[in-house]
Structure formats: structure tokens, C-alpha cells
């Protein structure tokens, strides 16, 4: 499995120009207020469809959703501990073995 950040590609030159030219206000984004993190998982090598993978995860007590063909989206919350993430990882490994 390939776990990735929600930023997986470099913006195209057109996107960079659009970001540069965009009008922005003086809004301030409160980073400390962020309570979730999106994690994308490439499941192409599992031989399972998105729906099959998500169904098996659900049976293992892990919630996820299809994101794109062969990619599953997890959303973790600030209160999720490293131990909880380790438990989820172990459940996924067992699911795939």
C-alpha cells in the first residue's frame, strides 16, 4: 500500500499562474483549529476494487471511502493516537494477508 499526503503532484504552470493571479482577502487560516487529516492510499496492487477494499476495511472496523480509481481516502481526527493508527495498520495488514 502507498500512503500519501493529500498533496501528491506538483501544480502545472497554468495552476501556478492562476494561484499567483488570484485575488485574495486578508482572511487568516487558523492552523491550530484543524481537526482532521486526509490520507490517500493507493490500493492498485491489492487486486481489490475500491468498493471491495472499503467493505473489507469496514468489516475490520476501519472507515474509509473511495477517492479515485485504485485510491482510498482516510480521514483521521486530531484525537486519533499513534496507537490507534498502529492498530488500524495491523488490521489492514491482516486483511490483506
C-alpha atoms as a PDB file:
ATOM      1  CA  UNK A   1       0.000   0.000   0.000  1.00  0.00           C
ATOM      2  CA  UNK A   2       1.153   3.506  -0.724  1.00  0.00           C
ATOM      3  CA  UNK A   3       0.152   6.126   1.845  1.00  0.00           C
ATOM      4  CA  UNK A   4       0.378   9.660   0.564  1.00  0.00           C
ATOM      5  CA  UNK A   5      -0.326  13.170   1.659  1.00  0.00           C
ATOM      6  CA  UNK A   6      -3.295  14.980   0.153  1.00  0.00           C
ATOM      7  CA  UNK A   7      -0.725  16.859  -1.963  1.00  0.00           C
ATOM      8  CA  UNK A   8       0.574  14.295  -4.427  1.00  0.00           C
ATOM      9  CA  UNK A   9       1.558  16.281  -7.515  1.00  0.00           C
ATOM     10  CA  UNK A  10       3.349  19.473  -8.439  1.00  0.00           C
ATOM     11  CA  UNK A  11       0.915  22.082  -9.831  1.00  0.00           C
ATOM     12  CA  UNK A  12       1.036  22.624 -13.583  1.00  0.00           C
ATOM     13  CA  UNK A  13       2.397  26.020 -14.749  1.00  0.00           C
ATOM     14  CA  UNK A  14      -1.165  27.137 -15.542  1.00  0.00           C
ATOM     15  CA  UNK A  15      -2.244  26.359 -11.982  1.00  0.00           C
ATOM     16  CA  UNK A  16       0.753  28.244 -10.574  1.00  0.00           C
ATOM     17  CA  UNK A  17      -0.207  31.293 -12.675  1.00  0.00           C
ATOM     18  CA  UNK A  18      -3.832  31.024 -11.554  1.00  0.00           C
ATOM     19  CA  UNK A  19      -2.754  30.863  -7.889  1.00  0.00           C
ATOM     20  CA  UNK A  20      -0.418  33.816  -8.373  1.00  0.00           C
ATOM     21  CA  UNK A  21      -3.068  35.909 -10.145  1.00  0.00           C
ATOM     22  CA  UNK A  22      -5.921  35.031  -7.758  1.00  0.00           C
ATOM     23  CA  UNK A  23      -7.372  37.863  -5.712  1.00  0.00           C
ATOM     24  CA  UNK A  24      -7.199  37.078  -2.028  1.00  0.00           C
ATOM     25  CA  UNK A  25      -8.512  38.836   1.014  1.00  0.00           C
ATOM     26  CA  UNK A  26      -6.932  39.203   4.390  1.00  0.00           C
ATOM     27  CA  UNK A  27      -8.524  36.019   5.765  1.00  0.00           C
ATOM     28  CA  UNK A  28      -6.319  34.205   8.213  1.00  0.00           C
ATOM     29  CA  UNK A  29      -6.460  30.434   8.342  1.00  0.00           C
ATOM     30  CA  UNK A  30      -6.327  29.071  11.879  1.00  0.00           C
ATOM     31  CA  UNK A  31      -3.982  26.083  11.542  1.00  0.00           C
ATOM     32  CA  UNK A  32      -4.418  25.238  15.226  1.00  0.00           C
ATOM     33  CA  UNK A  33      -8.139  24.740  14.561  1.00  0.00           C
ATOM     34  CA  UNK A  34      -7.593  21.944  12.036  1.00  0.00           C
ATOM     35  CA  UNK A  35      -9.055  18.752  13.436  1.00  0.00           C
ATOM     36  CA  UNK A  36      -8.694  16.298  10.538  1.00  0.00           C
ATOM     37  CA  UNK A  37      -6.042  14.982   8.207  1.00  0.00           C
ATOM     38  CA  UNK A  38      -6.699  13.337   4.842  1.00  0.00           C
ATOM     39  CA  UNK A  39      -4.620  10.288   3.935  1.00  0.00           C
ATOM     40  CA  UNK A  40      -4.759   8.696   0.484  1.00  0.00           C
ATOM     41  CA  UNK A  41      -3.877   5.037  -0.003  1.00  0.00           C
ATOM     42  CA  UNK A  42      -3.020   3.555  -3.412  1.00  0.00           C
ATOM     43  CA  UNK A  43      -4.579   0.074  -3.498  1.00  0.00           C
ATOM     44  CA  UNK A  44      -3.796  -0.868  -7.110  1.00  0.00           C
ATOM     45  CA  UNK A  45      -1.510  -3.729  -6.021  1.00  0.00           C
ATOM     46  CA  UNK A  46      -4.140  -5.415  -3.840  1.00  0.00           C
ATOM     47  CA  UNK A  47      -6.251  -6.873  -6.639  1.00  0.00           C
ATOM     48  CA  UNK A  48      -9.367  -5.414  -4.994  1.00  0.00           C
ATOM     49  CA  UNK A  49     -11.761  -2.797  -6.309  1.00  0.00           C
ATOM     50  CA  UNK A  50     -12.327   0.342  -4.258  1.00  0.00           C
ATOM     51  CA  UNK A  51     -15.701  -0.956  -3.083  1.00  0.00           C
ATOM     52  CA  UNK A  52     -14.299  -4.367  -2.100  1.00  0.00           C
ATOM     53  CA  UNK A  53     -11.400  -2.761  -0.228  1.00  0.00           C
ATOM     54  CA  UNK A  54     -13.669  -0.320   1.631  1.00  0.00           C
ATOM     55  CA  UNK A  55     -16.081  -3.156   2.538  1.00  0.00           C
ATOM     56  CA  UNK A  56     -13.235  -5.253   3.956  1.00  0.00           C
ATOM     57  CA  UNK A  57     -11.940  -2.270   5.895  1.00  0.00           C
ATOM     58  CA  UNK A  58     -15.396  -1.733   7.366  1.00  0.00           C
ATOM     59  CA  UNK A  59     -15.502  -5.392   8.467  1.00  0.00           C
ATOM     60  CA  UNK A  60     -12.150  -4.765  10.209  1.00  0.00           C
ATOM     61  CA  UNK A  61     -13.575  -1.704  11.991  1.00  0.00           C
ATOM     62  CA  UNK A  62     -11.856   0.871   9.780  1.00  0.00           C
ATOM     63  CA  UNK A  63     -13.787   3.554   7.919  1.00  0.00           C
ATOM     64  CA  UNK A  64     -12.591   4.824   4.539  1.00  0.00           C
ATOM     65  CA  UNK A  65     -14.115   5.950   1.264  1.00  0.00           C
ATOM     66  CA  UNK A  66     -13.275   5.562  -2.424  1.00  0.00           C
ATOM     67  CA  UNK A  67     -11.389   8.608  -3.700  1.00  0.00           C
ATOM     68  CA  UNK A  68     -10.335   7.803  -7.248  1.00  0.00           C
ATOM     69  CA  UNK A  69      -9.770   4.613  -9.229  1.00  0.00           C
ATOM     70  CA  UNK A  70      -7.488   2.495  -7.065  1.00  0.00           C
ATOM     71  CA  UNK A  71      -7.216   5.136  -4.342  1.00  0.00           C
ATOM     72  CA  UNK A  72      -8.897   5.068  -0.923  1.00  0.00           C
ATOM     73  CA  UNK A  73      -9.373   8.122   1.287  1.00  0.00           C
ATOM     74  CA  UNK A  74      -8.983   8.023   5.056  1.00  0.00           C
ATOM     75  CA  UNK A  75      -9.777  10.965   7.305  1.00  0.00           C
ATOM     76  CA  UNK A  76      -8.078  10.962  10.674  1.00  0.00           C
ATOM     77  CA  UNK A  77      -9.002  13.239  13.513  1.00  0.00           C
ATOM     78  CA  UNK A  78      -6.753  15.120  15.894  1.00  0.00           C
ATOM     79  CA  UNK A  79      -7.769  12.857  18.784  1.00  0.00           C
ATOM     80  CA  UNK A  80      -6.555   9.713  16.983  1.00  0.00           C
ATOM     81  CA  UNK A  81      -3.470   8.405  18.779  1.00  0.00           C
ATOM     82  CA  UNK A  82      -0.378   6.757  17.334  1.00  0.00           C
ATOM     83  CA  UNK A  83      -1.545   3.526  18.993  1.00  0.00           C
ATOM     84  CA  UNK A  84      -4.893   3.734  17.184  1.00  0.00           C
ATOM     85  CA  UNK A  85      -3.114   4.277  13.867  1.00  0.00           C
ATOM     86  CA  UNK A  86      -0.855   1.282  14.587  1.00  0.00           C
ATOM     87  CA  UNK A  87      -3.914  -0.858  15.359  1.00  0.00           C
ATOM     88  CA  UNK A  88      -5.571   0.197  12.086  1.00  0.00           C
ATOM     89  CA  UNK A  89      -2.370  -0.551  10.179  1.00  0.00           C
ATOM     90  CA  UNK A  90      -2.136  -4.033  11.718  1.00  0.00           C
ATOM     91  CA  UNK A  91      -5.800  -4.730  10.888  1.00  0.00           C
ATOM     92  CA  UNK A  92      -5.182  -3.725   7.251  1.00  0.00           C
ATOM     93  CA  UNK A  93      -2.134  -5.989   7.028  1.00  0.00           C
ATOM     94  CA  UNK A  94      -4.163  -8.937   8.389  1.00  0.00           C
ATOM     95  CA  UNK A  95      -6.987  -8.090   5.988  1.00  0.00           C
ATOM     96  CA  UNK A  96      -4.614  -8.273   3.027  1.00  0.00           C
ATOM     97  CA  UNK A  97      -2.742 -11.430   4.032  1.00  0.00           C
END
